Amino acid sequence: MPADGSVKFPKVVQSPPSKAKGPQIGPQAPSNAPKTTTFAGQIPELCIRLGFNMPKYEIEKVSEGAPIYNGYAHFQGDPRIEGKIGEVKDVFGQKNAKEKIAEEVFAFLKDIERQRMEGHEDEGRKRKRSVSEDEEVAEKIVKVKT
Protein backbone atom coordinates (compact mmCIF):
# COMPACT_ATOMS: atom_id res chain seq x y z
CA MET A 1 0.00 0.00 0.00
CA PRO A 2 1.43 3.42 -0.89
CA ALA A 3 2.46 5.71 1.97
CA ASP A 4 0.18 8.52 0.75
CA GLY A 5 -2.97 6.34 1.29
CA SER A 6 -4.11 6.47 -2.33
CA VAL A 7 -5.30 2.86 -2.33
CA LYS A 8 -8.87 2.43 -1.20
CA PHE A 9 -10.70 -0.80 -0.59
CA PRO A 10 -14.35 -1.24 -1.59
CA LYS A 11 -16.86 -1.33 1.23
CA VAL A 12 -18.76 -4.54 1.67
CA VAL A 13 -22.48 -3.91 1.62
CA GLN A 14 -24.30 -5.99 4.22
CA SER A 15 -28.01 -6.43 4.16
CA PRO A 16 -29.87 -6.16 7.47
CA PRO A 17 -30.84 -9.47 9.06
CA SER A 18 -34.19 -10.82 7.93
CA LYS A 19 -37.08 -10.50 10.37
CA ALA A 20 -39.04 -13.32 8.73
CA LYS A 21 -39.78 -16.26 10.97
CA GLY A 22 -39.83 -19.87 9.92
CA PRO A 23 -37.57 -21.71 7.49
CA GLN A 24 -35.49 -19.52 5.22
CA ILE A 25 -35.13 -20.22 1.53
CA GLY A 26 -31.81 -19.48 -0.09
CA PRO A 27 -28.27 -19.42 1.19
CA GLN A 28 -29.39 -18.98 4.83
CA ALA A 29 -31.23 -22.32 4.86
CA PRO A 30 -29.27 -25.29 6.18
CA SER A 31 -28.11 -27.62 3.44
CA ASN A 32 -29.30 -30.74 5.27
CA ALA A 33 -32.91 -29.54 5.48
CA PRO A 34 -35.44 -31.82 3.74
CA LYS A 35 -36.17 -30.63 0.23
CA THR A 36 -39.80 -31.71 0.13
CA THR A 37 -42.15 -32.21 3.01
CA THR A 38 -45.35 -32.92 1.10
CA PHE A 39 -46.41 -36.45 0.34
CA ALA A 40 -46.86 -35.52 -3.32
CA GLY A 41 -43.22 -34.39 -3.39
CA GLN A 42 -41.95 -37.65 -1.89
CA ILE A 43 -43.79 -40.01 -4.24
CA PRO A 44 -41.57 -39.63 -7.35
CA GLU A 45 -38.43 -40.76 -5.50
CA LEU A 46 -40.29 -43.68 -3.93
CA CYS A 47 -41.71 -44.74 -7.33
CA ILE A 48 -38.25 -44.68 -8.89
CA ARG A 49 -36.82 -46.70 -6.00
CA LEU A 50 -39.58 -49.32 -6.35
CA GLY A 51 -39.56 -49.36 -10.16
CA PHE A 52 -43.10 -48.08 -10.70
CA ASN A 53 -44.44 -45.47 -13.11
CA MET A 54 -45.44 -42.12 -11.64
CA PRO A 55 -49.09 -42.06 -10.57
CA LYS A 56 -51.56 -39.87 -12.37
CA TYR A 57 -53.93 -37.89 -10.18
CA GLU A 58 -57.56 -37.69 -11.31
CA ILE A 59 -59.26 -34.85 -9.43
CA GLU A 60 -62.71 -33.51 -10.26
CA LYS A 61 -64.80 -30.74 -8.79
CA VAL A 62 -67.96 -31.98 -7.08
CA SER A 63 -70.06 -28.82 -7.33
CA GLU A 64 -69.83 -25.48 -9.07
CA GLY A 65 -70.74 -23.50 -5.96
CA ALA A 66 -67.97 -24.70 -3.66
CA PRO A 67 -64.35 -25.82 -4.07
CA ILE A 68 -65.07 -29.41 -3.05
CA TYR A 69 -63.20 -32.18 -4.88
CA ASN A 70 -63.15 -35.96 -5.26
CA GLY A 71 -60.19 -37.81 -6.65
CA TYR A 72 -57.87 -40.78 -6.82
CA ALA A 73 -54.57 -41.84 -8.32
CA HIS A 74 -53.80 -44.62 -10.78
CA PHE A 75 -50.56 -45.99 -12.14
CA GLN A 76 -51.40 -45.65 -15.85
CA GLY A 77 -51.88 -49.26 -16.81
CA ASP A 78 -49.09 -50.79 -14.74
CA PRO A 79 -50.23 -54.42 -14.44
CA ARG A 80 -48.69 -54.74 -10.97
CA ILE A 81 -50.95 -51.99 -9.57
CA GLU A 82 -54.49 -51.91 -10.85
CA GLY A 83 -57.40 -49.74 -9.88
CA LYS A 84 -57.85 -46.55 -7.91
CA ILE A 85 -55.35 -45.84 -5.16
CA GLY A 86 -56.01 -43.27 -2.43
CA GLU A 87 -59.56 -42.40 -3.36
CA VAL A 88 -60.88 -39.32 -1.51
CA LYS A 89 -64.27 -37.65 -1.45
CA ASP A 90 -65.51 -34.18 -0.55
CA VAL A 91 -62.16 -32.52 0.18
CA PHE A 92 -62.03 -28.73 0.39
CA GLY A 93 -59.57 -27.37 -2.18
CA GLN A 94 -57.80 -28.98 -5.12
CA LYS A 95 -54.35 -28.88 -3.50
CA ASN A 96 -55.71 -30.46 -0.34
CA ALA A 97 -57.37 -33.20 -2.39
CA LYS A 98 -54.13 -33.98 -4.21
CA GLU A 99 -52.19 -34.07 -0.94
CA LYS A 100 -54.75 -36.40 0.68
CA ILE A 101 -54.54 -38.73 -2.33
CA ALA A 102 -50.74 -38.53 -2.24
CA GLU A 103 -50.75 -39.41 1.46
CA GLU A 104 -52.67 -42.61 0.73
CA VAL A 105 -50.46 -43.45 -2.26
CA PHE A 106 -47.36 -42.84 -0.14
CA ALA A 107 -48.61 -45.22 2.55
CA PHE A 108 -49.45 -47.79 -0.14
CA LEU A 109 -45.96 -47.58 -1.69
CA LYS A 110 -44.22 -47.64 1.70
CA ASP A 111 -46.12 -50.84 2.51
CA ILE A 112 -44.87 -52.40 -0.74
CA GLU A 113 -41.33 -51.29 0.11
CA ARG A 114 -41.62 -52.78 3.61
CA GLN A 115 -42.89 -56.10 2.21
CA ARG A 116 -40.01 -56.23 -0.25
CA MET A 117 -37.48 -55.50 2.49
CA GLU A 118 -38.94 -58.28 4.64
CA GLY A 119 -38.64 -60.62 1.66
CA HIS A 120 -34.98 -59.71 1.21
CA GLU A 121 -34.28 -60.28 4.91
CA ASP A 122 -35.92 -63.72 4.77
CA GLU A 123 -33.95 -64.56 1.63
CA GLY A 124 -30.73 -63.47 3.33
CA ARG A 125 -31.46 -65.71 6.30
CA LYS A 126 -32.09 -68.66 3.97
CA ARG A 127 -28.82 -68.02 2.19
CA LYS A 128 -26.92 -67.88 5.47
CA ARG A 129 -28.49 -71.14 6.59
CA SER A 130 -27.81 -72.84 3.29
CA VAL A 131 -24.15 -71.79 3.34
CA SER A 132 -23.68 -73.12 6.87
CA GLU A 133 -25.56 -76.32 5.97
CA ASP A 134 -23.31 -76.76 2.93
CA GLU A 135 -20.24 -76.41 5.15
CA GLU A 136 -21.61 -79.05 7.54
CA VAL A 137 -22.23 -81.46 4.65
CA ALA A 138 -18.73 -80.84 3.31
CA GLU A 139 -17.23 -81.56 6.76
CA LYS A 140 -19.18 -84.82 6.99
CA ILE A 141 -17.95 -85.88 3.55
CA VAL A 142 -14.34 -85.17 4.55
CA LYS A 143 -14.76 -87.19 7.77
CA VAL A 144 -16.26 -90.14 5.89
CA LYS A 145 -13.40 -90.20 3.37
CA THR A 146 -10.71 -90.18 6.08
C-alpha atoms as a PDB file:
ATOM      1  CA  MET A   1       0.000   0.000   0.000  1.00  0.00           C
ATOM      2  CA  PRO A   2       1.427   3.419  -0.889  1.00  0.00           C
ATOM      3  CA  ALA A   3       2.455   5.707   1.967  1.00  0.00           C
ATOM      4  CA  ASP A   4       0.180   8.517   0.749  1.00  0.00           C
ATOM      5  CA  GLY A   5      -2.967   6.336   1.292  1.00  0.00           C
ATOM      6  CA  SER A   6      -4.114   6.465  -2.331  1.00  0.00           C
ATOM      7  CA  VAL A   7      -5.305   2.863  -2.335  1.00  0.00           C
ATOM      8  CA  LYS A   8      -8.868   2.433  -1.203  1.00  0.00           C
ATOM      9  CA  PHE A   9     -10.698  -0.805  -0.594  1.00  0.00           C
ATOM     10  CA  PRO A  10     -14.353  -1.238  -1.591  1.00  0.00           C
ATOM     11  CA  LYS A  11     -16.862  -1.328   1.232  1.00  0.00           C
ATOM     12  CA  VAL A  12     -18.761  -4.543   1.673  1.00  0.00           C
ATOM     13  CA  VAL A  13     -22.485  -3.913   1.616  1.00  0.00           C
ATOM     14  CA  GLN A  14     -24.296  -5.989   4.216  1.00  0.00           C
ATOM     15  CA  SER A  15     -28.014  -6.431   4.164  1.00  0.00           C
ATOM     16  CA  PRO A  16     -29.870  -6.156   7.472  1.00  0.00           C
ATOM     17  CA  PRO A  17     -30.844  -9.468   9.056  1.00  0.00           C
ATOM     18  CA  SER A  18     -34.186 -10.820   7.934  1.00  0.00           C
ATOM     19  CA  LYS A  19     -37.085 -10.498  10.373  1.00  0.00           C
ATOM     20  CA  ALA A  20     -39.038 -13.325   8.728  1.00  0.00           C
ATOM     21  CA  LYS A  21     -39.781 -16.260  10.973  1.00  0.00           C
ATOM     22  CA  GLY A  22     -39.827 -19.875   9.920  1.00  0.00           C
ATOM     23  CA  PRO A  23     -37.575 -21.705   7.485  1.00  0.00           C
ATOM     24  CA  GLN A  24     -35.486 -19.516   5.222  1.00  0.00           C
ATOM     25  CA  ILE A  25     -35.126 -20.216   1.525  1.00  0.00           C
ATOM     26  CA  GLY A  26     -31.813 -19.477  -0.094  1.00  0.00           C
ATOM     27  CA  PRO A  27     -28.268 -19.418   1.194  1.00  0.00           C
ATOM     28  CA  GLN A  28     -29.387 -18.980   4.832  1.00  0.00           C
ATOM     29  CA  ALA A  29     -31.230 -22.324   4.857  1.00  0.00           C
ATOM     30  CA  PRO A  30     -29.272 -25.294   6.182  1.00  0.00           C
ATOM     31  CA  SER A  31     -28.113 -27.620   3.439  1.00  0.00           C
ATOM     32  CA  ASN A  32     -29.296 -30.741   5.270  1.00  0.00           C
ATOM     33  CA  ALA A  33     -32.910 -29.540   5.484  1.00  0.00           C
ATOM     34  CA  PRO A  34     -35.442 -31.824   3.742  1.00  0.00           C
ATOM     35  CA  LYS A  35     -36.175 -30.630   0.231  1.00  0.00           C
ATOM     36  CA  THR A  36     -39.804 -31.710   0.130  1.00  0.00           C
ATOM     37  CA  THR A  37     -42.148 -32.207   3.011  1.00  0.00           C
ATOM     38  CA  THR A  38     -45.354 -32.915   1.099  1.00  0.00           C
ATOM     39  CA  PHE A  39     -46.414 -36.448   0.339  1.00  0.00           C
ATOM     40  CA  ALA A  40     -46.856 -35.518  -3.319  1.00  0.00           C
ATOM     41  CA  GLY A  41     -43.220 -34.388  -3.392  1.00  0.00           C
ATOM     42  CA  GLN A  42     -41.948 -37.651  -1.888  1.00  0.00           C
ATOM     43  CA  ILE A  43     -43.789 -40.006  -4.236  1.00  0.00           C
ATOM     44  CA  PRO A  44     -41.571 -39.626  -7.352  1.00  0.00           C
ATOM     45  CA  GLU A  45     -38.426 -40.760  -5.496  1.00  0.00           C
ATOM     46  CA  LEU A  46     -40.289 -43.677  -3.934  1.00  0.00           C
ATOM     47  CA  CYS A  47     -41.713 -44.735  -7.326  1.00  0.00           C
ATOM     48  CA  ILE A  48     -38.252 -44.679  -8.891  1.00  0.00           C
ATOM     49  CA  ARG A  49     -36.816 -46.701  -6.000  1.00  0.00           C
ATOM     50  CA  LEU A  50     -39.579 -49.317  -6.350  1.00  0.00           C
ATOM     51  CA  GLY A  51     -39.561 -49.364 -10.163  1.00  0.00           C
ATOM     52  CA  PHE A  52     -43.099 -48.078 -10.700  1.00  0.00           C
ATOM     53  CA  ASN A  53     -44.440 -45.467 -13.106  1.00  0.00           C
ATOM     54  CA  MET A  54     -45.435 -42.117 -11.640  1.00  0.00           C
ATOM     55  CA  PRO A  55     -49.088 -42.056 -10.566  1.00  0.00           C
ATOM     56  CA  LYS A  56     -51.565 -39.868 -12.367  1.00  0.00           C
ATOM     57  CA  TYR A  57     -53.932 -37.893 -10.183  1.00  0.00           C
ATOM     58  CA  GLU A  58     -57.558 -37.690 -11.309  1.00  0.00           C
ATOM     59  CA  ILE A  59     -59.263 -34.853  -9.435  1.00  0.00           C
ATOM     60  CA  GLU A  60     -62.709 -33.514 -10.261  1.00  0.00           C
ATOM     61  CA  LYS A  61     -64.798 -30.745  -8.789  1.00  0.00           C
ATOM     62  CA  VAL A  62     -67.963 -31.977  -7.085  1.00  0.00           C
ATOM     63  CA  SER A  63     -70.059 -28.821  -7.330  1.00  0.00           C
ATOM     64  CA  GLU A  64     -69.828 -25.477  -9.074  1.00  0.00           C
ATOM     65  CA  GLY A  65     -70.743 -23.501  -5.961  1.00  0.00           C
ATOM     66  CA  ALA A  66     -67.967 -24.696  -3.663  1.00  0.00           C
ATOM     67  CA  PRO A  67     -64.347 -25.816  -4.068  1.00  0.00           C
ATOM     68  CA  ILE A  68     -65.071 -29.412  -3.046  1.00  0.00           C
ATOM     69  CA  TYR A  69     -63.204 -32.185  -4.880  1.00  0.00           C
ATOM     70  CA  ASN A  70     -63.152 -35.959  -5.262  1.00  0.00           C
ATOM     71  CA  GLY A  71     -60.191 -37.813  -6.647  1.00  0.00           C
ATOM     72  CA  TYR A  72     -57.870 -40.784  -6.823  1.00  0.00           C
ATOM     73  CA  ALA A  73     -54.569 -41.840  -8.324  1.00  0.00           C
ATOM     74  CA  HIS A  74     -53.801 -44.620 -10.777  1.00  0.00           C
ATOM     75  CA  PHE A  75     -50.561 -45.992 -12.142  1.00  0.00           C
ATOM     76  CA  GLN A  76     -51.396 -45.648 -15.850  1.00  0.00           C
ATOM     77  CA  GLY A  77     -51.885 -49.259 -16.812  1.00  0.00           C
ATOM     78  CA  ASP A  78     -49.088 -50.788 -14.742  1.00  0.00           C
ATOM     79  CA  PRO A  79     -50.232 -54.418 -14.442  1.00  0.00           C
ATOM     80  CA  ARG A  80     -48.687 -54.735 -10.970  1.00  0.00           C
ATOM     81  CA  ILE A  81     -50.947 -51.988  -9.569  1.00  0.00           C
ATOM     82  CA  GLU A  82     -54.485 -51.911 -10.853  1.00  0.00           C
ATOM     83  CA  GLY A  83     -57.398 -49.739  -9.875  1.00  0.00           C
ATOM     84  CA  LYS A  84     -57.849 -46.554  -7.915  1.00  0.00           C
ATOM     85  CA  ILE A  85     -55.347 -45.835  -5.162  1.00  0.00           C
ATOM     86  CA  GLY A  86     -56.008 -43.270  -2.434  1.00  0.00           C
ATOM     87  CA  GLU A  87     -59.562 -42.401  -3.363  1.00  0.00           C
ATOM     88  CA  VAL A  88     -60.876 -39.324  -1.510  1.00  0.00           C
ATOM     89  CA  LYS A  89     -64.268 -37.646  -1.448  1.00  0.00           C
ATOM     90  CA  ASP A  90     -65.507 -34.184  -0.546  1.00  0.00           C
ATOM     91  CA  VAL A  91     -62.162 -32.524   0.184  1.00  0.00           C
ATOM     92  CA  PHE A  92     -62.026 -28.726   0.386  1.00  0.00           C
ATOM     93  CA  GLY A  93     -59.571 -27.367  -2.175  1.00  0.00           C
ATOM     94  CA  GLN A  94     -57.805 -28.983  -5.125  1.00  0.00           C
ATOM     95  CA  LYS A  95     -54.346 -28.878  -3.498  1.00  0.00           C
ATOM     96  CA  ASN A  96     -55.714 -30.464  -0.335  1.00  0.00           C
ATOM     97  CA  ALA A  97     -57.374 -33.200  -2.393  1.00  0.00           C
ATOM     98  CA  LYS A  98     -54.130 -33.976  -4.212  1.00  0.00           C
ATOM     99  CA  GLU A  99     -52.188 -34.069  -0.940  1.00  0.00           C
ATOM    100  CA  LYS A 100     -54.753 -36.399   0.683  1.00  0.00           C
ATOM    101  CA  ILE A 101     -54.538 -38.729  -2.329  1.00  0.00           C
ATOM    102  CA  ALA A 102     -50.741 -38.534  -2.243  1.00  0.00           C
ATOM    103  CA  GLU A 103     -50.752 -39.408   1.463  1.00  0.00           C
ATOM    104  CA  GLU A 104     -52.674 -42.606   0.731  1.00  0.00           C
ATOM    105  CA  VAL A 105     -50.460 -43.450  -2.263  1.00  0.00           C
ATOM    106  CA  PHE A 106     -47.356 -42.836  -0.144  1.00  0.00           C
ATOM    107  CA  ALA A 107     -48.614 -45.219   2.555  1.00  0.00           C
ATOM    108  CA  PHE A 108     -49.447 -47.786  -0.139  1.00  0.00           C
ATOM    109  CA  LEU A 109     -45.963 -47.576  -1.692  1.00  0.00           C
ATOM    110  CA  LYS A 110     -44.217 -47.641   1.700  1.00  0.00           C
ATOM    111  CA  ASP A 111     -46.121 -50.836   2.507  1.00  0.00           C
ATOM    112  CA  ILE A 112     -44.867 -52.396  -0.739  1.00  0.00           C
ATOM    113  CA  GLU A 113     -41.328 -51.291   0.108  1.00  0.00           C
ATOM    114  CA  ARG A 114     -41.623 -52.784   3.613  1.00  0.00           C
ATOM    115  CA  GLN A 115     -42.887 -56.095   2.209  1.00  0.00           C
ATOM    116  CA  ARG A 116     -40.010 -56.233  -0.253  1.00  0.00           C
ATOM    117  CA  MET A 117     -37.485 -55.502   2.494  1.00  0.00           C
ATOM    118  CA  GLU A 118     -38.937 -58.283   4.642  1.00  0.00           C
ATOM    119  CA  GLY A 119     -38.635 -60.620   1.659  1.00  0.00           C
ATOM    120  CA  HIS A 120     -34.978 -59.715   1.210  1.00  0.00           C
ATOM    121  CA  GLU A 121     -34.277 -60.281   4.908  1.00  0.00           C
ATOM    122  CA  ASP A 122     -35.917 -63.721   4.772  1.00  0.00           C
ATOM    123  CA  GLU A 123     -33.954 -64.557   1.634  1.00  0.00           C
ATOM    124  CA  GLY A 124     -30.729 -63.466   3.328  1.00  0.00           C
ATOM    125  CA  ARG A 125     -31.459 -65.715   6.303  1.00  0.00           C
ATOM    126  CA  LYS A 126     -32.093 -68.655   3.972  1.00  0.00           C
ATOM    127  CA  ARG A 127     -28.822 -68.021   2.187  1.00  0.00           C
ATOM    128  CA  LYS A 128     -26.921 -67.876   5.467  1.00  0.00           C
ATOM    129  CA  ARG A 129     -28.489 -71.141   6.590  1.00  0.00           C
ATOM    130  CA  SER A 130     -27.813 -72.842   3.292  1.00  0.00           C
ATOM    131  CA  VAL A 131     -24.153 -71.795   3.341  1.00  0.00           C
ATOM    132  CA  SER A 132     -23.683 -73.119   6.871  1.00  0.00           C
ATOM    133  CA  GLU A 133     -25.557 -76.319   5.974  1.00  0.00           C
ATOM    134  CA  ASP A 134     -23.310 -76.763   2.931  1.00  0.00           C
ATOM    135  CA  GLU A 135     -20.242 -76.407   5.150  1.00  0.00           C
ATOM    136  CA  GLU A 136     -21.609 -79.050   7.544  1.00  0.00           C
ATOM    137  CA  VAL A 137     -22.233 -81.460   4.654  1.00  0.00           C
ATOM    138  CA  ALA A 138     -18.729 -80.841   3.308  1.00  0.00           C
ATOM    139  CA  GLU A 139     -17.229 -81.558   6.759  1.00  0.00           C
ATOM    140  CA  LYS A 140     -19.180 -84.824   6.987  1.00  0.00           C
ATOM    141  CA  ILE A 141     -17.945 -85.881   3.554  1.00  0.00           C
ATOM    142  CA  VAL A 142     -14.343 -85.170   4.552  1.00  0.00           C
ATOM    143  CA  LYS A 143     -14.764 -87.190   7.773  1.00  0.00           C
ATOM    144  CA  VAL A 144     -16.260 -90.137   5.893  1.00  0.00           C
ATOM    145  CA  LYS A 145     -13.397 -90.198   3.369  1.00  0.00           C
ATOM    146  CA  THR A 146     -10.708 -90.176   6.077  1.00  0.00           C
END
